[in-house]
Amino acid sequence: MKSLLLIKDDTSEIAGKTSALIYTLAEKFLDGNELTDIKEVFRMTRLGQMLVNDGIEEGRKEEVYRLITFMLKKGKTISDIAADTDISEDEIRKIQRSMQKSK
């Protein structure tokens, strides 16, 4: 935990690698309670923020996929969906193709 606190505000590449190494070691050697204790410290590091941002972005993509899928199933046209959502028609077509593949 002390190591994480020392590097949490450092944005250098070495600090990022050190943070990743500490995470790997923590995952391997700490139990659930100890991991819970350092979770908050990790959240404050650059790596922790990157992981949070990745999770948020992934959640947004899933939500967009669900929304487009729902609208297509309700019979909305691609151009109507694009106008309503500000998502490109190309992106909507990709989602439509992936829906057809999964059937």
N, C-alpha and C. Protein backbone atom coordinates (compact mmCIF):
# COMPACT_ATOMS: atom_id res chain seq x y z
N MET A 1 0.83 -1.19 0.00
CA MET A 1 0.00 0.00 0.00
C MET A 1 0.88 1.25 0.00
N LYS A 2 1.96 1.22 0.75
CA LYS A 2 2.86 2.38 0.80
C LYS A 2 3.44 2.66 -0.58
N SER A 3 3.79 1.62 -1.30
CA SER A 3 4.35 1.79 -2.65
C SER A 3 3.34 2.48 -3.56
N LEU A 4 2.11 2.07 -3.50
CA LEU A 4 1.07 2.69 -4.32
C LEU A 4 0.89 4.16 -3.98
N LEU A 5 0.90 4.46 -2.71
CA LEU A 5 0.74 5.85 -2.27
C LEU A 5 1.91 6.72 -2.77
N LEU A 6 3.09 6.12 -2.82
CA LEU A 6 4.26 6.88 -3.29
C LEU A 6 4.18 7.20 -4.78
N ILE A 7 3.58 6.32 -5.57
CA ILE A 7 3.57 6.53 -7.03
C ILE A 7 2.23 7.01 -7.58
N LYS A 8 1.24 7.18 -6.73
CA LYS A 8 -0.11 7.46 -7.22
C LYS A 8 -0.22 8.73 -8.06
N ASP A 9 0.58 9.74 -7.79
CA ASP A 9 0.50 10.98 -8.55
C ASP A 9 1.55 11.07 -9.66
N ASP A 10 2.40 10.07 -9.75
CA ASP A 10 3.46 10.05 -10.76
C ASP A 10 2.87 9.57 -12.09
N THR A 11 3.08 10.31 -13.16
CA THR A 11 2.53 9.94 -14.46
C THR A 11 3.58 9.35 -15.39
N SER A 12 4.75 9.06 -14.87
CA SER A 12 5.81 8.52 -15.72
C SER A 12 5.51 7.08 -16.12
N GLU A 13 6.19 6.64 -17.16
CA GLU A 13 6.02 5.27 -17.63
C GLU A 13 6.47 4.26 -16.57
N ILE A 14 7.56 4.58 -15.89
CA ILE A 14 8.06 3.69 -14.84
C ILE A 14 7.04 3.54 -13.71
N ALA A 15 6.38 4.64 -13.35
CA ALA A 15 5.35 4.57 -12.30
C ALA A 15 4.20 3.69 -12.76
N GLY A 16 3.83 3.80 -14.03
CA GLY A 16 2.77 2.96 -14.56
C GLY A 16 3.12 1.48 -14.52
N LYS A 17 4.37 1.19 -14.90
CA LYS A 17 4.82 -0.21 -14.87
C LYS A 17 4.91 -0.72 -13.43
N THR A 18 5.36 0.13 -12.53
CA THR A 18 5.46 -0.24 -11.13
C THR A 18 4.07 -0.52 -10.57
N SER A 19 3.13 0.31 -10.92
CA SER A 19 1.76 0.13 -10.47
C SER A 19 1.20 -1.20 -10.98
N ALA A 20 1.47 -1.52 -12.23
CA ALA A 20 1.00 -2.78 -12.80
C ALA A 20 1.65 -3.97 -12.09
N LEU A 21 2.92 -3.84 -11.77
CA LEU A 21 3.62 -4.90 -11.06
C LEU A 21 3.04 -5.10 -9.66
N ILE A 22 2.79 -4.01 -8.97
CA ILE A 22 2.20 -4.10 -7.62
C ILE A 22 0.83 -4.76 -7.70
N TYR A 23 0.05 -4.39 -8.70
CA TYR A 23 -1.27 -4.99 -8.89
C TYR A 23 -1.14 -6.50 -9.07
N THR A 24 -0.20 -6.92 -9.92
CA THR A 24 0.00 -8.34 -10.18
C THR A 24 0.39 -9.09 -8.91
N LEU A 25 1.30 -8.50 -8.15
CA LEU A 25 1.72 -9.12 -6.90
C LEU A 25 0.58 -9.18 -5.89
N ALA A 26 -0.18 -8.11 -5.81
CA ALA A 26 -1.32 -8.08 -4.88
C ALA A 26 -2.33 -9.16 -5.25
N GLU A 27 -2.62 -9.28 -6.52
CA GLU A 27 -3.58 -10.28 -7.00
C GLU A 27 -3.10 -11.70 -6.65
N LYS A 28 -1.82 -11.92 -6.71
CA LYS A 28 -1.25 -13.25 -6.47
C LYS A 28 -1.16 -13.59 -4.98
N PHE A 29 -0.78 -12.61 -4.16
CA PHE A 29 -0.42 -12.94 -2.78
C PHE A 29 -1.37 -12.44 -1.70
N LEU A 30 -2.28 -11.54 -2.01
CA LEU A 30 -3.15 -11.01 -0.96
C LEU A 30 -4.50 -11.71 -0.96
N ASP A 31 -5.13 -11.76 0.21
CA ASP A 31 -6.46 -12.36 0.29
C ASP A 31 -7.52 -11.29 0.03
N GLY A 32 -8.76 -11.70 0.08
CA GLY A 32 -9.87 -10.80 -0.25
C GLY A 32 -9.92 -9.53 0.57
N ASN A 33 -9.73 -9.65 1.88
CA ASN A 33 -9.78 -8.47 2.74
C ASN A 33 -8.65 -7.50 2.45
N GLU A 34 -7.45 -8.05 2.23
CA GLU A 34 -6.31 -7.19 1.93
C GLU A 34 -6.48 -6.50 0.57
N LEU A 35 -7.03 -7.24 -0.39
CA LEU A 35 -7.28 -6.63 -1.70
C LEU A 35 -8.30 -5.51 -1.59
N THR A 36 -9.31 -5.71 -0.76
CA THR A 36 -10.31 -4.67 -0.56
C THR A 36 -9.67 -3.41 0.02
N ASP A 37 -8.74 -3.61 0.93
CA ASP A 37 -8.06 -2.47 1.56
C ASP A 37 -7.28 -1.62 0.55
N ILE A 38 -6.62 -2.28 -0.40
CA ILE A 38 -5.81 -1.49 -1.34
C ILE A 38 -6.57 -1.08 -2.59
N LYS A 39 -7.79 -1.58 -2.75
CA LYS A 39 -8.59 -1.23 -3.93
C LYS A 39 -8.75 0.28 -4.06
N GLU A 40 -9.05 0.95 -2.97
CA GLU A 40 -9.24 2.40 -3.00
C GLU A 40 -7.96 3.13 -3.38
N VAL A 41 -6.83 2.64 -2.90
CA VAL A 41 -5.55 3.26 -3.25
C VAL A 41 -5.30 3.09 -4.75
N PHE A 42 -5.61 1.90 -5.26
CA PHE A 42 -5.41 1.66 -6.70
C PHE A 42 -6.29 2.58 -7.53
N ARG A 43 -7.47 2.84 -7.07
CA ARG A 43 -8.39 3.70 -7.79
C ARG A 43 -7.79 5.08 -8.03
N MET A 44 -6.93 5.49 -7.13
CA MET A 44 -6.32 6.82 -7.22
C MET A 44 -5.11 6.85 -8.15
N THR A 45 -4.61 5.69 -8.56
CA THR A 45 -3.43 5.67 -9.42
C THR A 45 -3.84 5.85 -10.88
N ARG A 46 -2.86 6.14 -11.71
CA ARG A 46 -3.12 6.29 -13.14
C ARG A 46 -3.67 5.00 -13.73
N LEU A 47 -3.09 3.87 -13.36
CA LEU A 47 -3.58 2.58 -13.85
C LEU A 47 -5.01 2.34 -13.39
N GLY A 48 -5.28 2.64 -12.14
CA GLY A 48 -6.64 2.48 -11.63
C GLY A 48 -7.64 3.33 -12.39
N GLN A 49 -7.28 4.57 -12.67
CA GLN A 49 -8.18 5.45 -13.42
C GLN A 49 -8.38 4.95 -14.85
N MET A 50 -7.33 4.41 -15.44
CA MET A 50 -7.45 3.85 -16.79
C MET A 50 -8.41 2.66 -16.79
N LEU A 51 -8.32 1.81 -15.78
CA LEU A 51 -9.23 0.67 -15.68
C LEU A 51 -10.68 1.11 -15.49
N VAL A 52 -10.87 2.12 -14.66
CA VAL A 52 -12.22 2.65 -14.46
C VAL A 52 -12.77 3.22 -15.77
N ASN A 53 -11.94 4.00 -16.46
CA ASN A 53 -12.37 4.59 -17.74
C ASN A 53 -12.70 3.52 -18.77
N ASP A 54 -11.89 2.46 -18.82
CA ASP A 54 -12.17 1.35 -19.74
C ASP A 54 -13.50 0.69 -19.41
N GLY A 55 -13.77 0.52 -18.14
CA GLY A 55 -15.04 -0.08 -17.73
C GLY A 55 -16.23 0.79 -18.10
N ILE A 56 -16.08 2.08 -17.94
CA ILE A 56 -17.16 3.01 -18.31
C ILE A 56 -17.41 2.96 -19.80
N GLU A 57 -16.34 2.97 -20.58
CA GLU A 57 -16.47 2.93 -22.05
C GLU A 57 -17.11 1.62 -22.50
N GLU A 58 -16.72 0.52 -21.90
CA GLU A 58 -17.30 -0.77 -22.24
C GLU A 58 -18.79 -0.79 -21.91
N GLY A 59 -19.16 -0.22 -20.78
CA GLY A 59 -20.57 -0.14 -20.41
C GLY A 59 -21.37 0.70 -21.39
N ARG A 60 -20.78 1.79 -21.85
CA ARG A 60 -21.46 2.63 -22.84
C ARG A 60 -21.68 1.88 -24.14
N LYS A 61 -20.67 1.14 -24.58
CA LYS A 61 -20.80 0.37 -25.82
C LYS A 61 -21.91 -0.67 -25.70
N GLU A 62 -21.98 -1.34 -24.56
CA GLU A 62 -23.03 -2.33 -24.35
C GLU A 62 -24.40 -1.67 -24.37
N GLU A 63 -24.51 -0.51 -23.75
CA GLU A 63 -25.79 0.19 -23.70
C GLU A 63 -26.22 0.64 -25.10
N VAL A 64 -25.29 1.14 -25.89
CA VAL A 64 -25.59 1.55 -27.27
C VAL A 64 -26.06 0.33 -28.07
N TYR A 65 -25.36 -0.79 -27.91
CA TYR A 65 -25.73 -2.01 -28.61
C TYR A 65 -27.16 -2.42 -28.25
N ARG A 66 -27.48 -2.39 -26.96
CA ARG A 66 -28.84 -2.76 -26.53
C ARG A 66 -29.90 -1.82 -27.10
N LEU A 67 -29.58 -0.53 -27.08
CA LEU A 67 -30.52 0.47 -27.59
C LEU A 67 -30.77 0.27 -29.08
N ILE A 68 -29.70 0.11 -29.85
CA ILE A 68 -29.84 -0.08 -31.30
C ILE A 68 -30.59 -1.37 -31.59
N THR A 69 -30.25 -2.42 -30.88
CA THR A 69 -30.93 -3.71 -31.07
C THR A 69 -32.42 -3.56 -30.80
N PHE A 70 -32.77 -2.90 -29.73
CA PHE A 70 -34.17 -2.69 -29.38
C PHE A 70 -34.90 -1.90 -30.47
N MET A 71 -34.28 -0.82 -30.93
CA MET A 71 -34.92 0.02 -31.94
C MET A 71 -35.10 -0.72 -33.27
N LEU A 72 -34.10 -1.52 -33.64
CA LEU A 72 -34.22 -2.30 -34.88
C LEU A 72 -35.34 -3.33 -34.76
N LYS A 73 -35.44 -3.97 -33.60
CA LYS A 73 -36.50 -4.95 -33.39
C LYS A 73 -37.88 -4.31 -33.42
N LYS A 74 -37.96 -3.04 -33.04
CA LYS A 74 -39.23 -2.32 -33.06
C LYS A 74 -39.57 -1.78 -34.45
N GLY A 75 -38.68 -2.04 -35.43
CA GLY A 75 -38.97 -1.66 -36.81
C GLY A 75 -38.48 -0.29 -37.24
N LYS A 76 -37.69 0.35 -36.41
CA LYS A 76 -37.14 1.66 -36.80
C LYS A 76 -36.13 1.47 -37.92
N THR A 77 -36.08 2.42 -38.83
CA THR A 77 -35.11 2.36 -39.91
C THR A 77 -33.74 2.83 -39.42
N ILE A 78 -32.73 2.44 -40.17
CA ILE A 78 -31.36 2.84 -39.81
C ILE A 78 -31.23 4.35 -39.81
N SER A 79 -31.81 5.02 -40.79
CA SER A 79 -31.70 6.48 -40.84
C SER A 79 -32.45 7.14 -39.69
N ASP A 80 -33.58 6.58 -39.28
CA ASP A 80 -34.31 7.13 -38.13
C ASP A 80 -33.50 6.97 -36.84
N ILE A 81 -32.89 5.79 -36.68
CA ILE A 81 -32.08 5.54 -35.49
C ILE A 81 -30.89 6.49 -35.46
N ALA A 82 -30.25 6.67 -36.60
CA ALA A 82 -29.09 7.58 -36.69
C ALA A 82 -29.50 9.00 -36.31
N ALA A 83 -30.66 9.44 -36.79
CA ALA A 83 -31.14 10.79 -36.47
C ALA A 83 -31.49 10.93 -34.99
N ASP A 84 -32.06 9.88 -34.41
CA ASP A 84 -32.48 9.93 -33.01
C ASP A 84 -31.32 9.81 -32.02
N THR A 85 -30.24 9.16 -32.44
CA THR A 85 -29.18 8.82 -31.49
C THR A 85 -27.83 9.48 -31.77
N ASP A 86 -27.65 10.09 -32.89
CA ASP A 86 -26.35 10.65 -33.30
C ASP A 86 -25.29 9.56 -33.45
N ILE A 87 -25.71 8.34 -33.74
CA ILE A 87 -24.80 7.24 -34.04
C ILE A 87 -24.81 7.07 -35.56
N SER A 88 -23.64 6.87 -36.13
CA SER A 88 -23.56 6.80 -37.59
C SER A 88 -24.32 5.60 -38.14
N GLU A 89 -24.81 5.77 -39.37
CA GLU A 89 -25.52 4.66 -40.02
C GLU A 89 -24.60 3.46 -40.20
N ASP A 90 -23.32 3.70 -40.46
CA ASP A 90 -22.37 2.59 -40.59
C ASP A 90 -22.29 1.77 -39.30
N GLU A 91 -22.22 2.46 -38.17
CA GLU A 91 -22.15 1.77 -36.88
C GLU A 91 -23.43 0.97 -36.63
N ILE A 92 -24.56 1.54 -36.99
CA ILE A 92 -25.84 0.85 -36.81
C ILE A 92 -25.89 -0.40 -37.69
N ARG A 93 -25.39 -0.29 -38.92
CA ARG A 93 -25.35 -1.45 -39.81
C ARG A 93 -24.46 -2.56 -39.24
N LYS A 94 -23.34 -2.18 -38.63
CA LYS A 94 -22.46 -3.17 -38.00
C LYS A 94 -23.20 -3.92 -36.90
N ILE A 95 -23.93 -3.19 -36.10
CA ILE A 95 -24.70 -3.81 -35.02
C ILE A 95 -25.78 -4.72 -35.60
N GLN A 96 -26.42 -4.24 -36.66
CA GLN A 96 -27.46 -5.04 -37.32
C GLN A 96 -26.87 -6.35 -37.86
N ARG A 97 -25.69 -6.28 -38.47
CA ARG A 97 -25.04 -7.49 -38.99
C ARG A 97 -24.69 -8.45 -37.85
N SER A 98 -24.22 -7.90 -36.74
CA SER A 98 -23.86 -8.78 -35.61
C SER A 98 -25.11 -9.43 -35.02
N MET A 99 -26.24 -8.74 -35.07
CA MET A 99 -27.49 -9.33 -34.62
C MET A 99 -27.88 -10.50 -35.51
N GLN A 100 -27.71 -10.32 -36.81
CA GLN A 100 -28.09 -11.37 -37.76
C GLN A 100 -27.17 -12.58 -37.62
N LYS A 101 -25.90 -12.36 -37.31
CA LYS A 101 -24.96 -13.47 -37.13
C LYS A 101 -25.29 -14.28 -35.89
N SER A 102 -25.81 -13.62 -34.86
CA SER A 102 -26.07 -14.31 -33.59
C SER A 102 -27.39 -15.09 -33.60
N LYS A 103 -28.17 -14.94 -34.65
CA LYS A 103 -29.45 -15.68 -34.72
C LYS A 103 -29.24 -17.13 -35.01
